[in-house]
Amino acid sequence: MSFKRNAELYGEQEPTDYFYKIVRGAVRTYKVLMDGRRQIGAFYLPGEIFGLEAGEEHVFSAEAIVDTKILIITLHHRPRPSRIPHRRQRRRPHRPRRLGGTGQTAA
C-alpha cells in the first residue's frame, strides 16, 4: 500500500491489528506531548518492520516521511481474557490408586 509524504499510517492508542514492513520510503513514529511538541520514537527505512506492540494499542503514531510503500501484515490476536467464555472444567471422580504390590490403596 502506498502513502504520500506526511500521511498517517496509524495513530497513538489505535488497535494493533497489523504490523508493517517498509518496501520503499521512510516512516517515523512519534507522540504528541501535552505542550504540543512531538517526541520521535524511531525512524524506519526499507526492509525494516514496525508496529509490533506488547499491548493491544499503539504506543506511538506513525507517518510517512516521504512517499512510501508499505507491506501491511494482519496480526491474529488471541481473544482477550474478558472475551473468553467461561468453560466449566469437567471433574473426574476421585479414584484411589494402588500402592506397589501391597494391596493397599492411597487416597
N, C-alpha and C. Protein backbone atom coordinates (compact mmCIF):
# COMPACT_ATOMS: atom_id res chain seq x y z
N MET A 1 0.84 -1.15 0.00
CA MET A 1 0.00 0.00 0.00
C MET A 1 0.90 1.24 0.00
N SER A 2 0.50 2.27 -0.72
CA SER A 2 1.30 3.49 -0.83
C SER A 2 0.74 4.60 0.04
N PHE A 3 1.64 5.37 0.64
CA PHE A 3 1.29 6.51 1.47
C PHE A 3 2.07 7.72 0.98
N LYS A 4 1.39 8.84 0.85
CA LYS A 4 2.04 10.10 0.46
C LYS A 4 2.81 10.66 1.66
N ARG A 5 3.73 11.57 1.38
CA ARG A 5 4.50 12.24 2.41
C ARG A 5 3.56 12.83 3.47
N ASN A 6 3.88 12.64 4.72
CA ASN A 6 3.15 13.12 5.90
C ASN A 6 1.81 12.42 6.15
N ALA A 7 1.50 11.37 5.41
CA ALA A 7 0.25 10.61 5.65
C ALA A 7 0.42 9.75 6.89
N GLU A 8 -0.64 9.71 7.71
CA GLU A 8 -0.61 8.89 8.92
C GLU A 8 -0.92 7.43 8.57
N LEU A 9 -0.10 6.51 9.08
CA LEU A 9 -0.34 5.08 8.89
C LEU A 9 -1.25 4.56 10.00
N TYR A 10 -0.97 4.98 11.23
CA TYR A 10 -1.82 4.66 12.37
C TYR A 10 -1.59 5.71 13.45
N GLY A 11 -2.55 5.81 14.35
CA GLY A 11 -2.46 6.79 15.43
C GLY A 11 -2.19 6.14 16.76
N GLU A 12 -1.70 6.95 17.67
CA GLU A 12 -1.47 6.52 19.04
C GLU A 12 -2.79 6.03 19.64
N GLN A 13 -2.74 4.93 20.34
CA GLN A 13 -3.86 4.29 21.02
C GLN A 13 -4.86 3.62 20.06
N GLU A 14 -4.52 3.51 18.77
CA GLU A 14 -5.36 2.73 17.86
C GLU A 14 -5.02 1.25 18.04
N PRO A 15 -5.95 0.35 17.72
CA PRO A 15 -5.71 -1.10 17.90
C PRO A 15 -4.52 -1.59 17.06
N THR A 16 -3.82 -2.56 17.60
CA THR A 16 -2.67 -3.16 16.92
C THR A 16 -3.13 -4.35 16.10
N ASP A 17 -3.89 -4.08 15.05
CA ASP A 17 -4.41 -5.15 14.20
C ASP A 17 -3.42 -5.57 13.12
N TYR A 18 -2.40 -4.76 12.87
CA TYR A 18 -1.44 -5.00 11.79
C TYR A 18 -0.03 -4.66 12.25
N PHE A 19 0.96 -5.21 11.54
CA PHE A 19 2.31 -4.68 11.62
C PHE A 19 2.76 -4.41 10.20
N TYR A 20 3.89 -3.73 10.04
CA TYR A 20 4.23 -3.13 8.75
C TYR A 20 5.69 -3.38 8.39
N LYS A 21 5.93 -3.52 7.08
CA LYS A 21 7.30 -3.62 6.56
C LYS A 21 7.45 -2.59 5.45
N ILE A 22 8.50 -1.80 5.53
CA ILE A 22 8.73 -0.76 4.53
C ILE A 22 9.36 -1.37 3.29
N VAL A 23 8.72 -1.14 2.15
CA VAL A 23 9.25 -1.60 0.87
C VAL A 23 10.09 -0.48 0.25
N ARG A 24 9.56 0.75 0.30
CA ARG A 24 10.25 1.91 -0.25
C ARG A 24 9.84 3.13 0.57
N GLY A 25 10.79 4.02 0.85
CA GLY A 25 10.49 5.24 1.58
C GLY A 25 10.98 5.19 3.01
N ALA A 26 10.32 5.96 3.89
CA ALA A 26 10.73 6.04 5.30
C ALA A 26 9.53 6.44 6.15
N VAL A 27 9.54 5.98 7.40
CA VAL A 27 8.45 6.24 8.35
C VAL A 27 9.06 6.68 9.67
N ARG A 28 8.34 7.56 10.37
CA ARG A 28 8.73 7.92 11.73
C ARG A 28 7.56 7.60 12.66
N THR A 29 7.90 7.18 13.86
CA THR A 29 6.89 7.02 14.90
C THR A 29 7.10 8.15 15.90
N TYR A 30 6.00 8.62 16.48
CA TYR A 30 6.10 9.79 17.37
C TYR A 30 4.90 9.85 18.30
N LYS A 31 5.06 10.66 19.35
CA LYS A 31 3.98 11.00 20.28
C LYS A 31 3.87 12.51 20.29
N VAL A 32 2.66 13.03 20.39
CA VAL A 32 2.47 14.46 20.57
C VAL A 32 2.36 14.69 22.08
N LEU A 33 3.25 15.53 22.62
CA LEU A 33 3.29 15.80 24.05
C LEU A 33 2.23 16.82 24.45
N MET A 34 1.99 16.93 25.73
CA MET A 34 0.96 17.85 26.25
C MET A 34 1.19 19.30 25.80
N ASP A 35 2.45 19.70 25.66
CA ASP A 35 2.74 21.08 25.26
C ASP A 35 2.77 21.26 23.74
N GLY A 36 2.38 20.21 22.99
CA GLY A 36 2.29 20.31 21.54
C GLY A 36 3.54 19.88 20.78
N ARG A 37 4.63 19.67 21.51
CA ARG A 37 5.86 19.21 20.84
C ARG A 37 5.70 17.74 20.44
N ARG A 38 6.52 17.32 19.48
CA ARG A 38 6.47 15.94 19.00
C ARG A 38 7.72 15.20 19.49
N GLN A 39 7.51 14.08 20.17
CA GLN A 39 8.61 13.23 20.62
C GLN A 39 8.76 12.09 19.61
N ILE A 40 9.91 12.00 18.96
CA ILE A 40 10.16 10.96 17.96
C ILE A 40 10.48 9.65 18.68
N GLY A 41 9.79 8.57 18.26
CA GLY A 41 10.06 7.24 18.81
C GLY A 41 11.17 6.56 18.03
N ALA A 42 11.05 6.56 16.69
CA ALA A 42 12.05 5.88 15.85
C ALA A 42 11.83 6.27 14.40
N PHE A 43 12.86 5.98 13.59
CA PHE A 43 12.78 6.12 12.14
C PHE A 43 12.94 4.73 11.54
N TYR A 44 12.18 4.44 10.49
CA TYR A 44 12.23 3.13 9.85
C TYR A 44 12.49 3.31 8.36
N LEU A 45 13.37 2.45 7.83
CA LEU A 45 13.80 2.52 6.43
C LEU A 45 13.45 1.23 5.71
N PRO A 46 13.63 1.16 4.38
CA PRO A 46 13.26 -0.05 3.62
C PRO A 46 13.83 -1.33 4.23
N GLY A 47 12.96 -2.34 4.31
CA GLY A 47 13.33 -3.63 4.86
C GLY A 47 13.03 -3.77 6.34
N GLU A 48 12.76 -2.66 7.02
CA GLU A 48 12.51 -2.72 8.45
C GLU A 48 11.03 -2.95 8.76
N ILE A 49 10.79 -3.60 9.89
CA ILE A 49 9.44 -3.92 10.35
C ILE A 49 9.13 -3.05 11.56
N PHE A 50 7.90 -2.58 11.65
CA PHE A 50 7.50 -1.77 12.79
C PHE A 50 6.01 -1.98 13.06
N GLY A 51 5.53 -1.43 14.17
CA GLY A 51 4.12 -1.53 14.52
C GLY A 51 3.78 -2.70 15.43
N LEU A 52 4.77 -3.51 15.78
CA LEU A 52 4.53 -4.60 16.73
C LEU A 52 4.55 -4.03 18.14
N GLU A 53 3.55 -4.32 18.91
CA GLU A 53 3.42 -3.76 20.26
C GLU A 53 3.20 -4.89 21.25
N ALA A 54 3.58 -4.65 22.49
CA ALA A 54 3.33 -5.63 23.54
C ALA A 54 1.85 -5.65 23.93
N GLY A 55 1.20 -4.49 23.83
CA GLY A 55 -0.21 -4.39 24.21
C GLY A 55 -1.12 -4.44 22.99
N GLU A 56 -2.37 -4.06 23.22
CA GLU A 56 -3.38 -4.11 22.15
C GLU A 56 -3.57 -2.78 21.46
N GLU A 57 -2.81 -1.74 21.89
CA GLU A 57 -2.91 -0.43 21.26
C GLU A 57 -1.51 0.07 20.93
N HIS A 58 -1.42 0.90 19.88
CA HIS A 58 -0.14 1.50 19.51
C HIS A 58 0.26 2.55 20.55
N VAL A 59 1.52 2.53 20.93
CA VAL A 59 2.05 3.48 21.89
C VAL A 59 2.38 4.80 21.18
N PHE A 60 2.79 4.73 19.91
CA PHE A 60 3.14 5.89 19.10
C PHE A 60 2.24 5.98 17.88
N SER A 61 2.21 7.13 17.25
CA SER A 61 1.61 7.29 15.93
C SER A 61 2.71 7.04 14.91
N ALA A 62 2.34 6.75 13.65
CA ALA A 62 3.33 6.55 12.60
C ALA A 62 2.89 7.32 11.36
N GLU A 63 3.86 7.96 10.70
CA GLU A 63 3.56 8.68 9.47
C GLU A 63 4.71 8.54 8.48
N ALA A 64 4.36 8.64 7.20
CA ALA A 64 5.36 8.56 6.14
C ALA A 64 6.16 9.86 6.12
N ILE A 65 7.48 9.77 6.04
CA ILE A 65 8.33 10.95 5.95
C ILE A 65 8.38 11.44 4.51
N VAL A 66 8.41 10.49 3.59
CA VAL A 66 8.40 10.76 2.14
C VAL A 66 7.35 9.83 1.54
N ASP A 67 7.09 9.92 0.23
CA ASP A 67 6.19 8.95 -0.40
C ASP A 67 6.74 7.56 -0.10
N THR A 68 5.88 6.69 0.43
CA THR A 68 6.35 5.42 0.99
C THR A 68 5.43 4.28 0.57
N LYS A 69 6.03 3.13 0.31
CA LYS A 69 5.27 1.92 0.01
C LYS A 69 5.48 0.95 1.16
N ILE A 70 4.36 0.44 1.69
CA ILE A 70 4.38 -0.40 2.89
C ILE A 70 3.69 -1.73 2.62
N LEU A 71 4.24 -2.79 3.14
CA LEU A 71 3.57 -4.09 3.18
C LEU A 71 2.87 -4.17 4.53
N ILE A 72 1.56 -4.41 4.54
CA ILE A 72 0.78 -4.45 5.78
C ILE A 72 0.41 -5.91 6.06
N ILE A 73 0.76 -6.37 7.24
CA ILE A 73 0.54 -7.76 7.63
C ILE A 73 -0.46 -7.80 8.78
N THR A 74 -1.49 -8.63 8.65
CA THR A 74 -2.52 -8.76 9.67
C THR A 74 -2.01 -9.60 10.83
N LEU A 75 -2.28 -9.13 12.04
CA LEU A 75 -1.98 -9.91 13.24
C LEU A 75 -3.22 -10.71 13.61
N HIS A 76 -3.03 -11.93 14.05
CA HIS A 76 -4.15 -12.74 14.54
C HIS A 76 -4.05 -12.76 16.04
N HIS A 77 -4.89 -11.97 16.69
CA HIS A 77 -4.88 -11.85 18.14
C HIS A 77 -5.58 -13.03 18.79
N ARG A 78 -5.07 -13.39 19.94
CA ARG A 78 -5.80 -14.32 20.79
C ARG A 78 -6.91 -13.52 21.45
N PRO A 79 -8.01 -14.12 21.79
CA PRO A 79 -9.08 -13.38 22.46
C PRO A 79 -8.59 -12.80 23.77
N ARG A 80 -9.08 -11.63 24.13
CA ARG A 80 -8.78 -11.03 25.42
C ARG A 80 -9.41 -11.89 26.50
N PRO A 81 -8.79 -11.94 27.68
CA PRO A 81 -9.36 -12.77 28.75
C PRO A 81 -10.83 -12.44 29.03
N SER A 82 -11.21 -11.18 28.93
CA SER A 82 -12.60 -10.82 29.21
C SER A 82 -13.55 -11.35 28.14
N ARG A 83 -13.02 -11.72 26.99
CA ARG A 83 -13.86 -12.22 25.90
C ARG A 83 -13.88 -13.74 25.80
N ILE A 84 -13.08 -14.41 26.62
CA ILE A 84 -13.04 -15.86 26.58
C ILE A 84 -14.22 -16.38 27.39
N PRO A 85 -15.09 -17.16 26.76
CA PRO A 85 -16.23 -17.66 27.52
C PRO A 85 -15.76 -18.58 28.65
N HIS A 86 -16.45 -18.50 29.77
CA HIS A 86 -16.10 -19.33 30.91
C HIS A 86 -16.43 -20.78 30.58
N ARG A 87 -15.43 -21.63 30.69
CA ARG A 87 -15.66 -23.06 30.44
C ARG A 87 -15.63 -23.81 31.76
N ARG A 88 -16.63 -24.62 31.94
CA ARG A 88 -16.65 -25.44 33.15
C ARG A 88 -15.69 -26.60 32.96
N GLN A 89 -14.88 -26.82 33.96
CA GLN A 89 -13.97 -27.94 33.93
C GLN A 89 -14.72 -29.18 34.38
N ARG A 90 -14.61 -30.22 33.59
CA ARG A 90 -15.24 -31.48 34.00
C ARG A 90 -14.39 -32.12 35.08
N ARG A 91 -15.00 -32.41 36.19
CA ARG A 91 -14.25 -33.04 37.27
C ARG A 91 -14.34 -34.55 37.12
N ARG A 92 -13.22 -35.17 37.24
CA ARG A 92 -13.19 -36.63 37.20
C ARG A 92 -13.45 -37.15 38.61
N PRO A 93 -14.21 -38.21 38.73
CA PRO A 93 -14.42 -38.76 40.08
C PRO A 93 -13.09 -39.24 40.64
N HIS A 94 -12.90 -39.04 41.93
CA HIS A 94 -11.66 -39.46 42.58
C HIS A 94 -11.60 -40.99 42.62
N ARG A 95 -10.49 -41.51 42.15
CA ARG A 95 -10.28 -42.95 42.20
C ARG A 95 -9.06 -43.23 43.05
N PRO A 96 -9.18 -44.09 44.02
CA PRO A 96 -7.99 -44.45 44.80
C PRO A 96 -7.01 -45.21 43.91
N ARG A 97 -5.73 -45.01 44.12
CA ARG A 97 -4.75 -45.73 43.31
C ARG A 97 -4.04 -46.76 44.19
N ARG A 98 -3.64 -47.84 43.59
CA ARG A 98 -2.98 -48.93 44.33
C ARG A 98 -1.54 -48.59 44.57
N LEU A 99 -1.05 -48.94 45.75
CA LEU A 99 0.35 -48.75 46.11
C LEU A 99 1.10 -50.03 45.81
N GLY A 100 2.15 -49.91 45.03
CA GLY A 100 3.03 -51.04 44.77
C GLY A 100 2.27 -52.36 44.65
N GLY A 101 2.75 -53.40 45.21
CA GLY A 101 2.06 -54.69 45.21
C GLY A 101 1.51 -55.02 46.59
N THR A 102 1.26 -54.02 47.41
CA THR A 102 0.88 -54.27 48.80
C THR A 102 -0.59 -54.55 48.97
N GLY A 103 -1.40 -54.25 47.98
CA GLY A 103 -2.83 -54.44 48.11
C GLY A 103 -3.50 -53.28 48.83
N GLN A 104 -2.69 -52.31 49.29
CA GLN A 104 -3.25 -51.14 49.96
C GLN A 104 -3.56 -50.07 48.91
N THR A 105 -4.46 -49.19 49.29
CA THR A 105 -4.77 -48.07 48.38
C THR A 105 -4.42 -46.76 49.04
N ALA A 106 -4.08 -45.79 48.20
CA ALA A 106 -3.79 -44.45 48.70
C ALA A 106 -4.95 -43.54 48.35
N ALA A 107 -5.16 -42.54 49.16
CA ALA A 107 -6.28 -41.61 48.93
C ALA A 107 -6.04 -40.71 47.77
